[in-house]
Amino acid sequence: MNIALTVWEDRISPVFDAATTLLLVEIRNGGIAGRRFAPLHPAGAMRLGEMLKQMDVSVLICGAISEGYANRLSFSGIELIPFISGKTERILETFVKEEPLRPVFSMPGCGAHCRRRQTTMPSPNLIRKEVTTMPNKDGTGPTGQGRKTGQGEGRCKSGSGAGKGKNPGRGQGRKGGSDQGRQQSK
């Protein structure tokens, strides 16, 4: 089995999208049989899976990764173990022993959304359907109650104007004309 780790000095690179170096590791008979460094220049998400397949990589361990790269790896059949941080050698030792990398090596502040493990098929959460209209003709849908729901509508205490916040507006509004001239003369 060949695995790849995005590295920066002696640690996992914190952001895959900015990583420039891969550590390629060959694992045979429960131990590390070889290792080498390779530049990481995938020229976009579309070529990433192809590039790693040419290197015979079946698992990629990395830090934070954008959805585009994660989807491309998933469709390429490469197992992705994202949102990992720490010293490269400790992570390798743990992986070779077939011990879980999480939660010990989870990136700081990572909640459940970081812990999803990509496999050869994309997660249903990665495939999104764009909704352009609400299903009901009255403007309601599965989460809305009708017009002007969701963000709230603030109200100015004086003058006219429509707020766009959850709390009442605190703006001055305009009373029959512009007050720009008055503000400039103060």
C-alpha atoms as a PDB file:
ATOM      1  CA  MET A   1       0.000   0.000   0.000  1.00  0.00           C
ATOM      2  CA  ASN A   2       1.227   3.489  -0.834  1.00  0.00           C
ATOM      3  CA  ILE A   3       0.044   6.490   1.113  1.00  0.00           C
ATOM      4  CA  ALA A   4       0.712  10.199   0.718  1.00  0.00           C
ATOM      5  CA  LEU A   5       0.866  12.885   3.380  1.00  0.00           C
ATOM      6  CA  THR A   6       0.975  16.605   2.697  1.00  0.00           C
ATOM      7  CA  VAL A   7       3.928  17.885   4.714  1.00  0.00           C
ATOM      8  CA  TRP A   8       5.484  21.134   5.757  1.00  0.00           C
ATOM      9  CA  GLU A   9       8.814  20.687   7.546  1.00  0.00           C
ATOM     10  CA  ASP A  10       8.163  17.807   9.998  1.00  0.00           C
ATOM     11  CA  ARG A  11       4.384  18.293  10.297  1.00  0.00           C
ATOM     12  CA  ILE A  12       1.230  17.737   8.281  1.00  0.00           C
ATOM     13  CA  SER A  13       0.647  20.799   6.118  1.00  0.00           C
ATOM     14  CA  PRO A  14      -2.312  22.663   7.666  1.00  0.00           C
ATOM     15  CA  VAL A  15      -4.068  23.428   4.360  1.00  0.00           C
ATOM     16  CA  PHE A  16      -3.992  20.962   1.465  1.00  0.00           C
ATOM     17  CA  ASP A  17      -4.812  23.626  -1.119  1.00  0.00           C
ATOM     18  CA  ALA A  18      -1.582  25.492  -0.282  1.00  0.00           C
ATOM     19  CA  ALA A  19       0.655  22.434   0.227  1.00  0.00           C
ATOM     20  CA  THR A  20       3.631  22.003  -2.088  1.00  0.00           C
ATOM     21  CA  THR A  21       5.222  18.771  -0.819  1.00  0.00           C
ATOM     22  CA  LEU A  22       4.008  15.190  -0.520  1.00  0.00           C
ATOM     23  CA  LEU A  23       5.635  12.496   1.546  1.00  0.00           C
ATOM     24  CA  LEU A  24       5.046   9.234  -0.297  1.00  0.00           C
ATOM     25  CA  VAL A  25       5.299   6.184   1.952  1.00  0.00           C
ATOM     26  CA  GLU A  26       5.295   2.529   0.938  1.00  0.00           C
ATOM     27  CA  ILE A  27       3.832   0.254   3.612  1.00  0.00           C
ATOM     28  CA  ARG A  28       4.573  -3.476   3.352  1.00  0.00           C
ATOM     29  CA  ASN A  29       4.131  -6.286   5.904  1.00  0.00           C
ATOM     30  CA  GLY A  30       3.062  -3.916   8.680  1.00  0.00           C
ATOM     31  CA  GLY A  31       6.051  -1.609   8.343  1.00  0.00           C
ATOM     32  CA  ILE A  32       7.461   1.255   6.315  1.00  0.00           C
ATOM     33  CA  ALA A  33       9.325  -0.162   3.316  1.00  0.00           C
ATOM     34  CA  GLY A  34      10.287   3.135   1.728  1.00  0.00           C
ATOM     35  CA  ARG A  35       9.649   6.848   1.590  1.00  0.00           C
ATOM     36  CA  ARG A  36      10.361   9.764  -0.669  1.00  0.00           C
ATOM     37  CA  PHE A  37       9.317  13.360  -1.124  1.00  0.00           C
ATOM     38  CA  ALA A  38       7.573  14.618  -4.250  1.00  0.00           C
ATOM     39  CA  PRO A  39       6.427  18.078  -5.322  1.00  0.00           C
ATOM     40  CA  LEU A  40       2.694  18.674  -5.223  1.00  0.00           C
ATOM     41  CA  HIS A  41       1.526  20.691  -8.214  1.00  0.00           C
ATOM     42  CA  PRO A  42      -1.799  19.176  -9.246  1.00  0.00           C
ATOM     43  CA  ALA A  43      -2.760  22.048 -11.608  1.00  0.00           C
ATOM     44  CA  GLY A  44      -6.313  22.045 -10.296  1.00  0.00           C
ATOM     45  CA  ALA A  45      -8.718  19.570  -8.763  1.00  0.00           C
ATOM     46  CA  MET A  46      -9.388  17.768 -12.045  1.00  0.00           C
ATOM     47  CA  ARG A  47      -5.773  16.537 -12.320  1.00  0.00           C
ATOM     48  CA  LEU A  48      -5.212  15.732  -8.648  1.00  0.00           C
ATOM     49  CA  GLY A  49      -6.693  12.244  -8.629  1.00  0.00           C
ATOM     50  CA  GLU A  50      -4.934  11.397 -11.870  1.00  0.00           C
ATOM     51  CA  MET A  51      -1.596  12.577 -10.477  1.00  0.00           C
ATOM     52  CA  LEU A  52      -1.953  10.535  -7.262  1.00  0.00           C
ATOM     53  CA  LYS A  53      -3.093   7.451  -9.186  1.00  0.00           C
ATOM     54  CA  GLN A  54       0.086   7.671 -11.310  1.00  0.00           C
ATOM     55  CA  MET A  55       2.063   7.622  -8.036  1.00  0.00           C
ATOM     56  CA  ASP A  56       0.077   4.499  -7.010  1.00  0.00           C
ATOM     57  CA  VAL A  57      -1.332   6.296  -3.927  1.00  0.00           C
ATOM     58  CA  SER A  58      -4.404   4.735  -2.318  1.00  0.00           C
ATOM     59  CA  VAL A  59      -4.670   6.918   0.842  1.00  0.00           C
ATOM     60  CA  LEU A  60      -4.054  10.650   1.337  1.00  0.00           C
ATOM     61  CA  ILE A  61      -3.635  12.105   4.833  1.00  0.00           C
ATOM     62  CA  CYS A  62      -3.861  15.888   4.981  1.00  0.00           C
ATOM     63  CA  GLY A  63      -4.991  18.927   6.934  1.00  0.00           C
ATOM     64  CA  ALA A  64      -7.916  21.100   5.892  1.00  0.00           C
ATOM     65  CA  ILE A  65      -9.014  20.551   2.291  1.00  0.00           C
ATOM     66  CA  SER A  66     -11.497  22.354   0.065  1.00  0.00           C
ATOM     67  CA  GLU A  67     -14.614  20.611  -1.158  1.00  0.00           C
ATOM     68  CA  GLY A  68     -13.459  20.613  -4.789  1.00  0.00           C
ATOM     69  CA  TYR A  69     -10.277  18.688  -4.044  1.00  0.00           C
ATOM     70  CA  ALA A  70     -12.089  16.344  -1.622  1.00  0.00           C
ATOM     71  CA  ASN A  71     -14.722  15.514  -4.259  1.00  0.00           C
ATOM     72  CA  ARG A  72     -12.102  14.882  -6.948  1.00  0.00           C
ATOM     73  CA  LEU A  73     -10.183  12.493  -4.674  1.00  0.00           C
ATOM     74  CA  SER A  74     -13.355  10.687  -3.743  1.00  0.00           C
ATOM     75  CA  PHE A  75     -14.338  10.194  -7.385  1.00  0.00           C
ATOM     76  CA  SER A  76     -10.801   8.968  -8.153  1.00  0.00           C
ATOM     77  CA  GLY A  77     -11.125   6.163  -5.619  1.00  0.00           C
ATOM     78  CA  ILE A  78      -8.465   7.531  -3.260  1.00  0.00           C
ATOM     79  CA  GLU A  79      -9.264   7.283   0.435  1.00  0.00           C
ATOM     80  CA  LEU A  80      -9.024  10.697   2.067  1.00  0.00           C
ATOM     81  CA  ILE A  81      -8.247  11.229   5.754  1.00  0.00           C
ATOM     82  CA  PRO A  82      -8.626  15.015   6.127  1.00  0.00           C
ATOM     83  CA  PHE A  83      -8.357  17.517   8.992  1.00  0.00           C
ATOM     84  CA  ILE A  84      -5.320  15.840  10.561  1.00  0.00           C
ATOM     85  CA  SER A  85      -2.515  17.774  12.255  1.00  0.00           C
ATOM     86  CA  GLY A  86       0.650  16.918  14.102  1.00  0.00           C
ATOM     87  CA  LYS A  87       4.132  15.522  13.661  1.00  0.00           C
ATOM     88  CA  THR A  88       4.470  13.432  10.515  1.00  0.00           C
ATOM     89  CA  GLU A  89       6.438  10.593  12.160  1.00  0.00           C
ATOM     90  CA  ARG A  90       3.900  10.119  14.968  1.00  0.00           C
ATOM     91  CA  ILE A  91       1.036  10.077  12.457  1.00  0.00           C
ATOM     92  CA  LEU A  92       2.875   7.522  10.311  1.00  0.00           C
ATOM     93  CA  GLU A  93       3.569   5.278  13.331  1.00  0.00           C
ATOM     94  CA  THR A  94      -0.092   5.393  14.324  1.00  0.00           C
ATOM     95  CA  PHE A  95      -1.299   4.690  10.774  1.00  0.00           C
ATOM     96  CA  VAL A  96       1.084   1.730  10.314  1.00  0.00           C
ATOM     97  CA  LYS A  97      -0.152   0.216  13.601  1.00  0.00           C
ATOM     98  CA  GLU A  98      -3.680   0.549  12.140  1.00  0.00           C
ATOM     99  CA  GLU A  99      -4.765   2.700  15.073  1.00  0.00           C
ATOM    100  CA  PRO A 100      -7.300   5.494  14.514  1.00  0.00           C
ATOM    101  CA  LEU A 101      -5.829   8.930  13.794  1.00  0.00           C
ATOM    102  CA  ARG A 102      -8.807  10.686  15.381  1.00  0.00           C
ATOM    103  CA  PRO A 103      -9.309  12.256  17.849  1.00  0.00           C
ATOM    104  CA  VAL A 104      -5.602  12.338  18.798  1.00  0.00           C
ATOM    105  CA  PHE A 105      -4.490  14.014  15.554  1.00  0.00           C
ATOM    106  CA  SER A 106      -7.647  15.997  14.730  1.00  0.00           C
ATOM    107  CA  MET A 107      -7.030  19.622  13.818  1.00  0.00           C
ATOM    108  CA  PRO A 108      -7.645  21.979  16.757  1.00  0.00           C
ATOM    109  CA  GLY A 109     -11.212  23.245  16.846  1.00  0.00           C
ATOM    110  CA  CYS A 110     -12.475  20.555  14.524  1.00  0.00           C
ATOM    111  CA  GLY A 111     -15.985  19.463  15.325  1.00  0.00           C
ATOM    112  CA  ALA A 112     -18.009  16.661  13.788  1.00  0.00           C
ATOM    113  CA  HIS A 113     -18.027  18.396  10.388  1.00  0.00           C
ATOM    114  CA  CYS A 114     -14.254  17.927  10.162  1.00  0.00           C
ATOM    115  CA  ARG A 115     -14.306  14.295  11.147  1.00  0.00           C
ATOM    116  CA  ARG A 116     -16.070  12.869   8.138  1.00  0.00           C
ATOM    117  CA  ARG A 117     -13.898  10.323   6.427  1.00  0.00           C
ATOM    118  CA  GLN A 118     -13.917  10.265   2.657  1.00  0.00           C
ATOM    119  CA  THR A 119     -13.923   6.880   0.995  1.00  0.00           C
ATOM    120  CA  THR A 120     -14.200   5.794  -2.594  1.00  0.00           C
ATOM    121  CA  MET A 121     -17.734   7.168  -2.953  1.00  0.00           C
ATOM    122  CA  PRO A 122     -18.706  10.792  -2.291  1.00  0.00           C
ATOM    123  CA  SER A 123     -20.671  11.620   0.807  1.00  0.00           C
ATOM    124  CA  PRO A 124     -24.316  12.548   0.113  1.00  0.00           C
ATOM    125  CA  ASN A 125     -23.552  15.860   1.833  1.00  0.00           C
ATOM    126  CA  LEU A 126     -21.100  16.728  -0.959  1.00  0.00           C
ATOM    127  CA  ILE A 127     -23.726  16.498  -3.692  1.00  0.00           C
ATOM    128  CA  ARG A 128     -26.036  19.488  -3.488  1.00  0.00           C
ATOM    129  CA  LYS A 129     -29.100  20.279  -5.529  1.00  0.00           C
ATOM    130  CA  GLU A 130     -29.673  23.941  -6.228  1.00  0.00           C
ATOM    131  CA  VAL A 131     -33.136  25.165  -5.259  1.00  0.00           C
ATOM    132  CA  THR A 132     -34.350  28.116  -7.305  1.00  0.00           C
ATOM    133  CA  THR A 133     -38.014  28.256  -6.264  1.00  0.00           C
ATOM    134  CA  MET A 134     -39.901  27.294  -3.168  1.00  0.00           C
ATOM    135  CA  PRO A 135     -42.059  24.189  -3.634  1.00  0.00           C
ATOM    136  CA  ASN A 136     -45.355  25.815  -2.646  1.00  0.00           C
ATOM    137  CA  LYS A 137     -46.955  28.576  -4.706  1.00  0.00           C
ATOM    138  CA  ASP A 138     -47.548  30.722  -1.608  1.00  0.00           C
ATOM    139  CA  GLY A 139     -43.798  31.209  -1.004  1.00  0.00           C
ATOM    140  CA  THR A 140     -43.538  28.638   1.755  1.00  0.00           C
ATOM    141  CA  GLY A 141     -41.358  25.599   1.760  1.00  0.00           C
ATOM    142  CA  PRO A 142     -39.943  22.932   4.023  1.00  0.00           C
ATOM    143  CA  THR A 143     -38.262  25.479   6.326  1.00  0.00           C
ATOM    144  CA  GLY A 144     -39.967  28.792   5.593  1.00  0.00           C
ATOM    145  CA  GLN A 145     -43.292  30.089   6.850  1.00  0.00           C
ATOM    146  CA  GLY A 146     -43.956  32.516   4.026  1.00  0.00           C
ATOM    147  CA  ARG A 147     -42.697  35.901   2.864  1.00  0.00           C
ATOM    148  CA  LYS A 148     -39.895  37.660   4.729  1.00  0.00           C
ATOM    149  CA  THR A 149     -38.900  34.661   6.859  1.00  0.00           C
ATOM    150  CA  GLY A 150     -35.413  33.487   7.561  1.00  0.00           C
ATOM    151  CA  GLN A 151     -33.420  36.691   8.092  1.00  0.00           C
ATOM    152  CA  GLY A 152     -35.892  38.941   9.853  1.00  0.00           C
ATOM    153  CA  GLU A 153     -36.670  42.466   8.921  1.00  0.00           C
ATOM    154  CA  GLY A 154     -35.400  45.425  10.938  1.00  0.00           C
ATOM    155  CA  ARG A 155     -37.303  48.660  11.290  1.00  0.00           C
ATOM    156  CA  CYS A 156     -35.859  52.150  11.401  1.00  0.00           C
ATOM    157  CA  LYS A 157     -37.030  54.187  14.402  1.00  0.00           C
ATOM    158  CA  SER A 158     -37.442  57.311  12.309  1.00  0.00           C
ATOM    159  CA  GLY A 159     -37.663  58.082   8.639  1.00  0.00           C
ATOM    160  CA  SER A 160     -37.948  55.413   5.994  1.00  0.00           C
ATOM    161  CA  GLY A 161     -35.811  52.433   5.185  1.00  0.00           C
ATOM    162  CA  ALA A 162     -35.916  48.689   5.450  1.00  0.00           C
ATOM    163  CA  GLY A 163     -33.456  46.950   7.727  1.00  0.00           C
ATOM    164  CA  LYS A 164     -31.982  43.587   6.846  1.00  0.00           C
ATOM    165  CA  GLY A 165     -31.144  42.166  10.222  1.00  0.00           C
ATOM    166  CA  LYS A 166     -32.522  40.093  13.048  1.00  0.00           C
ATOM    167  CA  ASN A 167     -32.737  43.066  15.407  1.00  0.00           C
ATOM    168  CA  PRO A 168     -34.682  46.303  14.982  1.00  0.00           C
ATOM    169  CA  GLY A 169     -32.846  48.867  12.843  1.00  0.00           C
ATOM    170  CA  ARG A 170     -31.093  51.729  14.567  1.00  0.00           C
ATOM    171  CA  GLY A 171     -30.537  53.885  11.474  1.00  0.00           C
ATOM    172  CA  GLN A 172     -31.490  57.547  11.256  1.00  0.00           C
ATOM    173  CA  GLY A 173     -33.349  57.254   7.949  1.00  0.00           C
ATOM    174  CA  ARG A 174     -34.298  60.337   5.961  1.00  0.00           C
ATOM    175  CA  LYS A 175     -37.029  62.801   6.818  1.00  0.00           C
ATOM    176  CA  GLY A 176     -38.156  64.337   3.582  1.00  0.00           C
ATOM    177  CA  GLY A 177     -34.684  64.866   2.138  1.00  0.00           C
ATOM    178  CA  SER A 178     -31.006  64.249   2.415  1.00  0.00           C
ATOM    179  CA  ASP A 179     -29.172  65.126   5.589  1.00  0.00           C
ATOM    180  CA  GLN A 180     -25.736  64.714   4.024  1.00  0.00           C
ATOM    181  CA  GLY A 181     -25.143  68.438   3.906  1.00  0.00           C
ATOM    182  CA  ARG A 182     -25.917  68.785   7.610  1.00  0.00           C
ATOM    183  CA  GLN A 183     -23.538  65.959   8.543  1.00  0.00           C
ATOM    184  CA  GLN A 184     -20.701  67.467   6.540  1.00  0.00           C
ATOM    185  CA  SER A 185     -21.054  70.877   8.207  1.00  0.00           C
ATOM    186  CA  LYS A 186     -20.788  69.485  11.747  1.00  0.00           C
END
